[in-house]
PDB file of N, CA and C in Angstrom:
ATOM      1  N   UNK A   1       0.825  -1.198   0.000  1.00  0.00           N
ATOM      2  CA  UNK A   1       0.000   0.000   0.000  1.00  0.00           C
ATOM      3  C   UNK A   1       0.867   1.258   0.000  1.00  0.00           C
ATOM      4  N   UNK A   2       1.837   1.300   0.886  1.00  0.00           N
ATOM      5  CA  UNK A   2       2.679   2.488   0.961  1.00  0.00           C
ATOM      6  C   UNK A   2       3.505   2.681  -0.305  1.00  0.00           C
ATOM      7  N   UNK A   3       3.913   1.586  -0.939  1.00  0.00           N
ATOM      8  CA  UNK A   3       4.727   1.701  -2.141  1.00  0.00           C
ATOM      9  C   UNK A   3       3.964   2.449  -3.234  1.00  0.00           C
ATOM     10  N   UNK A   4       2.676   2.194  -3.344  1.00  0.00           N
ATOM     11  CA  UNK A   4       1.860   2.896  -4.336  1.00  0.00           C
ATOM     12  C   UNK A   4       1.865   4.391  -4.045  1.00  0.00           C
ATOM     13  N   UNK A   5       1.728   4.760  -2.761  1.00  0.00           N
ATOM     14  CA  UNK A   5       1.733   6.171  -2.389  1.00  0.00           C
ATOM     15  C   UNK A   5       3.056   6.830  -2.738  1.00  0.00           C
ATOM     16  N   UNK A   6       4.154   6.139  -2.497  1.00  0.00           N
ATOM     17  CA  UNK A   6       5.468   6.712  -2.787  1.00  0.00           C
ATOM     18  C   UNK A   6       5.656   6.928  -4.283  1.00  0.00           C
ATOM     19  N   UNK A   7       5.073   6.054  -5.086  1.00  0.00           N
ATOM     20  CA  UNK A   7       5.287   6.121  -6.526  1.00  0.00           C
ATOM     21  C   UNK A   7       4.334   7.089  -7.220  1.00  0.00           C
ATOM     22  N   UNK A   8       3.257   7.499  -6.557  1.00  0.00           N
ATOM     23  CA  UNK A   8       2.243   8.304  -7.234  1.00  0.00           C
ATOM     24  C   UNK A   8       2.769   9.610  -7.823  1.00  0.00           C
ATOM     25  N   UNK A   9       3.572  10.402  -7.091  1.00  0.00           N
ATOM     26  CA  UNK A   9       4.050  11.659  -7.697  1.00  0.00           C
ATOM     27  C   UNK A   9       4.841  11.428  -8.978  1.00  0.00           C
ATOM     28  N   UNK A  10       5.653  10.386  -9.005  1.00  0.00           N
ATOM     29  CA  UNK A  10       6.440  10.087 -10.206  1.00  0.00           C
ATOM     30  C   UNK A  10       5.525   9.706 -11.362  1.00  0.00           C
ATOM     31  N   UNK A  11       4.500   8.924 -11.087  1.00  0.00           N
ATOM     32  CA  UNK A  11       3.554   8.538 -12.142  1.00  0.00           C
ATOM     33  C   UNK A  11       2.788   9.753 -12.642  1.00  0.00           C
ATOM     34  N   UNK A  12       2.367  10.616 -11.717  1.00  0.00           N
ATOM     35  CA  UNK A  12       1.637  11.826 -12.112  1.00  0.00           C
ATOM     36  C   UNK A  12       2.519  12.708 -12.984  1.00  0.00           C
ATOM     37  N   UNK A  13       3.773  12.874 -12.576  1.00  0.00           N
ATOM     38  CA  UNK A  13       4.699  13.708 -13.341  1.00  0.00           C
ATOM     39  C   UNK A  13       4.951  13.111 -14.716  1.00  0.00           C
ATOM     40  N   UNK A  14       5.132  11.799 -14.779  1.00  0.00           N
ATOM     41  CA  UNK A  14       5.387  11.144 -16.063  1.00  0.00           C
ATOM     42  C   UNK A  14       4.211  11.323 -17.019  1.00  0.00           C
ATOM     43  N   UNK A  15       2.990  11.162 -16.527  1.00  0.00           N
ATOM     44  CA  UNK A  15       1.836  11.307 -17.417  1.00  0.00           C
ATOM     45  C   UNK A  15       1.667  12.756 -17.859  1.00  0.00           C
ATOM     46  N   UNK A  16       1.974  13.701 -16.974  1.00  0.00           N
ATOM     47  CA  UNK A  16       1.910  15.118 -17.352  1.00  0.00           C
ATOM     48  C   UNK A  16       2.972  15.442 -18.401  1.00  0.00           C
ATOM     49  N   UNK A  17       4.184  14.939 -18.189  1.00  0.00           N
ATOM     50  CA  UNK A  17       5.265  15.174 -19.157  1.00  0.00           C
ATOM     51  C   UNK A  17       4.899  14.619 -20.523  1.00  0.00           C
ATOM     52  N   UNK A  18       4.332  13.420 -20.546  1.00  0.00           N
ATOM     53  CA  UNK A  18       3.958  12.791 -21.807  1.00  0.00           C
ATOM     54  C   UNK A  18       2.940  13.657 -22.542  1.00  0.00           C
ATOM     55  N   UNK A  19       1.906  14.107 -21.826  1.00  0.00           N
ATOM     56  CA  UNK A  19       0.859  14.917 -22.458  1.00  0.00           C
ATOM     57  C   UNK A  19       1.419  16.242 -22.981  1.00  0.00           C
ATOM     58  N   UNK A  20       2.288  16.874 -22.201  1.00  0.00           N
ATOM     59  CA  UNK A  20       2.848  18.164 -22.617  1.00  0.00           C
ATOM     60  C   UNK A  20       3.812  18.011 -23.790  1.00  0.00           C
ATOM     61  N   UNK A  21       4.561  16.932 -23.814  1.00  0.00           N
ATOM     62  CA  UNK A  21       5.473  16.674 -24.931  1.00  0.00           C
ATOM     63  C   UNK A  21       4.676  16.500 -26.222  1.00  0.00           C
ATOM     64  N   UNK A  22       3.561  15.788 -26.121  1.00  0.00           N
ATOM     65  CA  UNK A  22       2.705  15.576 -27.288  1.00  0.00           C
ATOM     66  C   UNK A  22       2.094  16.892 -27.778  1.00  0.00           C
ATOM     67  N   UNK A  23       1.954  17.861 -26.886  1.00  0.00           N
ATOM     68  CA  UNK A  23       1.363  19.151 -27.259  1.00  0.00           C
ATOM     69  C   UNK A  23       2.349  20.033 -28.032  1.00  0.00           C
ATOM     70  N   UNK A  24       3.623  19.635 -28.073  1.00  0.00           N
ATOM     71  CA  UNK A  24       4.607  20.364 -28.858  1.00  0.00           C
ATOM     72  C   UNK A  24       5.178  21.608 -28.199  1.00  0.00           C
ATOM     73  N   UNK A  25       5.141  21.674 -26.884  1.00  0.00           N
ATOM     74  CA  UNK A  25       5.703  22.827 -26.176  1.00  0.00           C
ATOM     75  C   UNK A  25       7.227  22.729 -26.130  1.00  0.00           C
ATOM     76  N   UNK A  26       7.900  23.855 -25.892  1.00  0.00           N
ATOM     77  CA  UNK A  26       9.356  23.786 -25.756  1.00  0.00           C
ATOM     78  C   UNK A  26       9.715  23.243 -24.368  1.00  0.00           C
ATOM     79  N   UNK A  27      10.967  22.868 -24.188  1.00  0.00           N
ATOM     80  CA  UNK A  27      11.370  22.156 -22.974  1.00  0.00           C
ATOM     81  C   UNK A  27      11.147  22.954 -21.690  1.00  0.00           C
ATOM     82  N   UNK A  28      11.355  24.266 -21.741  1.00  0.00           N
ATOM     83  CA  UNK A  28      11.139  25.086 -20.536  1.00  0.00           C
ATOM     84  C   UNK A  28       9.662  25.095 -20.154  1.00  0.00           C
ATOM     85  N   UNK A  29       8.789  25.269 -21.149  1.00  0.00           N
ATOM     86  CA  UNK A  29       7.345  25.256 -20.884  1.00  0.00           C
ATOM     87  C   UNK A  29       6.908  23.892 -20.363  1.00  0.00           C
ATOM     88  N   UNK A  30       7.442  22.834 -20.959  1.00  0.00           N
ATOM     89  CA  UNK A  30       7.095  21.479 -20.528  1.00  0.00           C
ATOM     90  C   UNK A  30       7.476  21.283 -19.064  1.00  0.00           C
ATOM     91  N   UNK A  31       8.686  21.684 -18.697  1.00  0.00           N
ATOM     92  CA  UNK A  31       9.152  21.505 -17.317  1.00  0.00           C
ATOM     93  C   UNK A  31       8.271  22.271 -16.332  1.00  0.00           C
ATOM     94  N   UNK A  32       7.972  23.519 -16.638  1.00  0.00           N
ATOM     95  CA  UNK A  32       7.156  24.339 -15.735  1.00  0.00           C
ATOM     96  C   UNK A  32       5.740  23.793 -15.597  1.00  0.00           C
ATOM     97  N   UNK A  33       5.127  23.468 -16.726  1.00  0.00           N
ATOM     98  CA  UNK A  33       3.747  23.001 -16.697  1.00  0.00           C
ATOM     99  C   UNK A  33       3.635  21.597 -16.102  1.00  0.00           C
ATOM    100  N   UNK A  34       4.622  20.748 -16.321  1.00  0.00           N
ATOM    101  CA  UNK A  34       4.572  19.388 -15.784  1.00  0.00           C
ATOM    102  C   UNK A  34       4.592  19.394 -14.263  1.00  0.00           C
ATOM    103  N   UNK A  35       5.407  20.263 -13.676  1.00  0.00           N
ATOM    104  CA  UNK A  35       5.471  20.340 -12.211  1.00  0.00           C
ATOM    105  C   UNK A  35       4.125  20.798 -11.647  1.00  0.00           C
ATOM    106  N   UNK A  36       3.533  21.810 -12.254  1.00  0.00           N
ATOM    107  CA  UNK A  36       2.226  22.295 -11.792  1.00  0.00           C
ATOM    108  C   UNK A  36       1.145  21.236 -11.979  1.00  0.00           C
ATOM    109  N   UNK A  37       1.184  20.561 -13.108  1.00  0.00           N
ATOM    110  CA  UNK A  37       0.207  19.514 -13.405  1.00  0.00           C
ATOM    111  C   UNK A  37       0.313  18.382 -12.385  1.00  0.00           C
ATOM    112  N   UNK A  38       1.529  17.915 -12.123  1.00  0.00           N
ATOM    113  CA  UNK A  38       1.726  16.827 -11.162  1.00  0.00           C
ATOM    114  C   UNK A  38       1.305  17.264  -9.764  1.00  0.00           C
ATOM    115  N   UNK A  39       1.628  18.501  -9.395  1.00  0.00           N
ATOM    116  CA  UNK A  39       1.234  19.013  -8.074  1.00  0.00           C
ATOM    117  C   UNK A  39      -0.290  18.990  -7.936  1.00  0.00           C
ATOM    118  N   UNK A  40      -0.983  19.425  -8.974  1.00  0.00           N
ATOM    119  CA  UNK A  40      -2.446  19.437  -8.931  1.00  0.00           C
ATOM    120  C   UNK A  40      -3.004  18.026  -8.797  1.00  0.00           C
ATOM    121  N   UNK A  41      -2.417  17.077  -9.492  1.00  0.00           N
ATOM    122  CA  UNK A  41      -2.891  15.695  -9.403  1.00  0.00           C
ATOM    123  C   UNK A  41      -2.660  15.122  -8.014  1.00  0.00           C
ATOM    124  N   UNK A  42      -1.515  15.424  -7.427  1.00  0.00           N
ATOM    125  CA  UNK A  42      -1.223  14.930  -6.078  1.00  0.00           C
ATOM    126  C   UNK A  42      -2.175  15.582  -5.071  1.00  0.00           C
ATOM    127  N   UNK A  43      -2.496  16.859  -5.269  1.00  0.00           N
ATOM    128  CA  UNK A  43      -3.391  17.565  -4.350  1.00  0.00           C
ATOM    129  C   UNK A  43      -4.811  17.004  -4.382  1.00  0.00           C
ATOM    130  N   UNK A  44      -5.168  16.308  -5.459  1.00  0.00           N
ATOM    131  CA  UNK A  44      -6.499  15.709  -5.560  1.00  0.00           C
ATOM    132  C   UNK A  44      -6.619  14.447  -4.714  1.00  0.00           C
ATOM    133  N   UNK A  45      -5.504  13.963  -4.205  1.00  0.00           N
ATOM    134  CA  UNK A  45      -5.524  12.756  -3.385  1.00  0.00           C
ATOM    135  C   UNK A  45      -6.085  13.068  -2.002  1.00  0.00           C
ATOM    136  N   UNK A  46      -6.310  12.030  -1.216  1.00  0.00           N
ATOM    137  CA  UNK A  46      -6.814  12.228   0.143  1.00  0.00           C
ATOM    138  C   UNK A  46      -5.720  12.846   1.003  1.00  0.00           C
ATOM    139  N   UNK A  47      -6.086  13.543   2.067  1.00  0.00           N
ATOM    140  CA  UNK A  47      -5.063  14.139   2.954  1.00  0.00           C
ATOM    141  C   UNK A  47      -4.071  13.105   3.483  1.00  0.00           C
ATOM    142  N   UNK A  48      -4.535  11.905   3.793  1.00  0.00           N
ATOM    143  CA  UNK A  48      -3.636  10.862   4.303  1.00  0.00           C
ATOM    144  C   UNK A  48      -2.592  10.500   3.248  1.00  0.00           C
ATOM    145  N   UNK A  49      -3.017  10.325   2.004  1.00  0.00           N
ATOM    146  CA  UNK A  49      -2.083  10.003   0.924  1.00  0.00           C
ATOM    147  C   UNK A  49      -1.088  11.132   0.722  1.00  0.00           C
ATOM    148  N   UNK A  50      -1.560  12.359   0.744  1.00  0.00           N
ATOM    149  CA  UNK A  50      -0.684  13.509   0.542  1.00  0.00           C
ATOM    150  C   UNK A  50       0.353  13.607   1.659  1.00  0.00           C
ATOM    151  N   UNK A  51      -0.058  13.324   2.891  1.00  0.00           N
ATOM    152  CA  UNK A  51       0.876  13.358   4.024  1.00  0.00           C
ATOM    153  C   UNK A  51       1.950  12.293   3.849  1.00  0.00           C
ATOM    154  N   UNK A  52       1.538  11.107   3.444  1.00  0.00           N
ATOM    155  CA  UNK A  52       2.489  10.010   3.230  1.00  0.00           C
ATOM    156  C   UNK A  52       3.512  10.393   2.170  1.00  0.00           C
ATOM    157  N   UNK A  53       3.049  11.003   1.092  1.00  0.00           N
ATOM    158  CA  UNK A  53       3.948  11.398   0.009  1.00  0.00           C
ATOM    159  C   UNK A  53       4.897  12.501   0.465  1.00  0.00           C
ATOM    160  N   UNK A  54       4.384  13.454   1.197  1.00  0.00           N
ATOM    161  CA  UNK A  54       5.232  14.549   1.671  1.00  0.00           C
ATOM    162  C   UNK A  54       6.372  14.019   2.521  1.00  0.00           C
ATOM    163  N   UNK A  55       6.081  13.091   3.405  1.00  0.00           N
ATOM    164  CA  UNK A  55       7.132  12.521   4.252  1.00  0.00           C
ATOM    165  C   UNK A  55       8.086  11.663   3.431  1.00  0.00           C
ATOM    166  N   UNK A  56       7.577  11.023   2.376  1.00  0.00           N
ATOM    167  CA  UNK A  56       8.427  10.172   1.541  1.00  0.00           C
ATOM    168  C   UNK A  56       9.448  11.002   0.777  1.00  0.00           C
ATOM    169  N   UNK A  57       9.067  12.212   0.395  1.00  0.00           N
ATOM    170  CA  UNK A  57       9.965  13.074  -0.362  1.00  0.00           C
ATOM    171  C   UNK A  57      10.998  13.667   0.566  1.00  0.00           C
TER     172      UNK A  57
END
């Protein structure tokens, strides 16, 4: 269970990066938008999951 929580930010970031790369943005835009996108996805999780991830980082 905890392993899934630890891996979630990386999965969120990877899916955001993939979508932004497909959109044809330049690398700086991709990096900035991917971080915001992943942050938003992680924030949609339950408070318990978010706490677990924060401590894992």
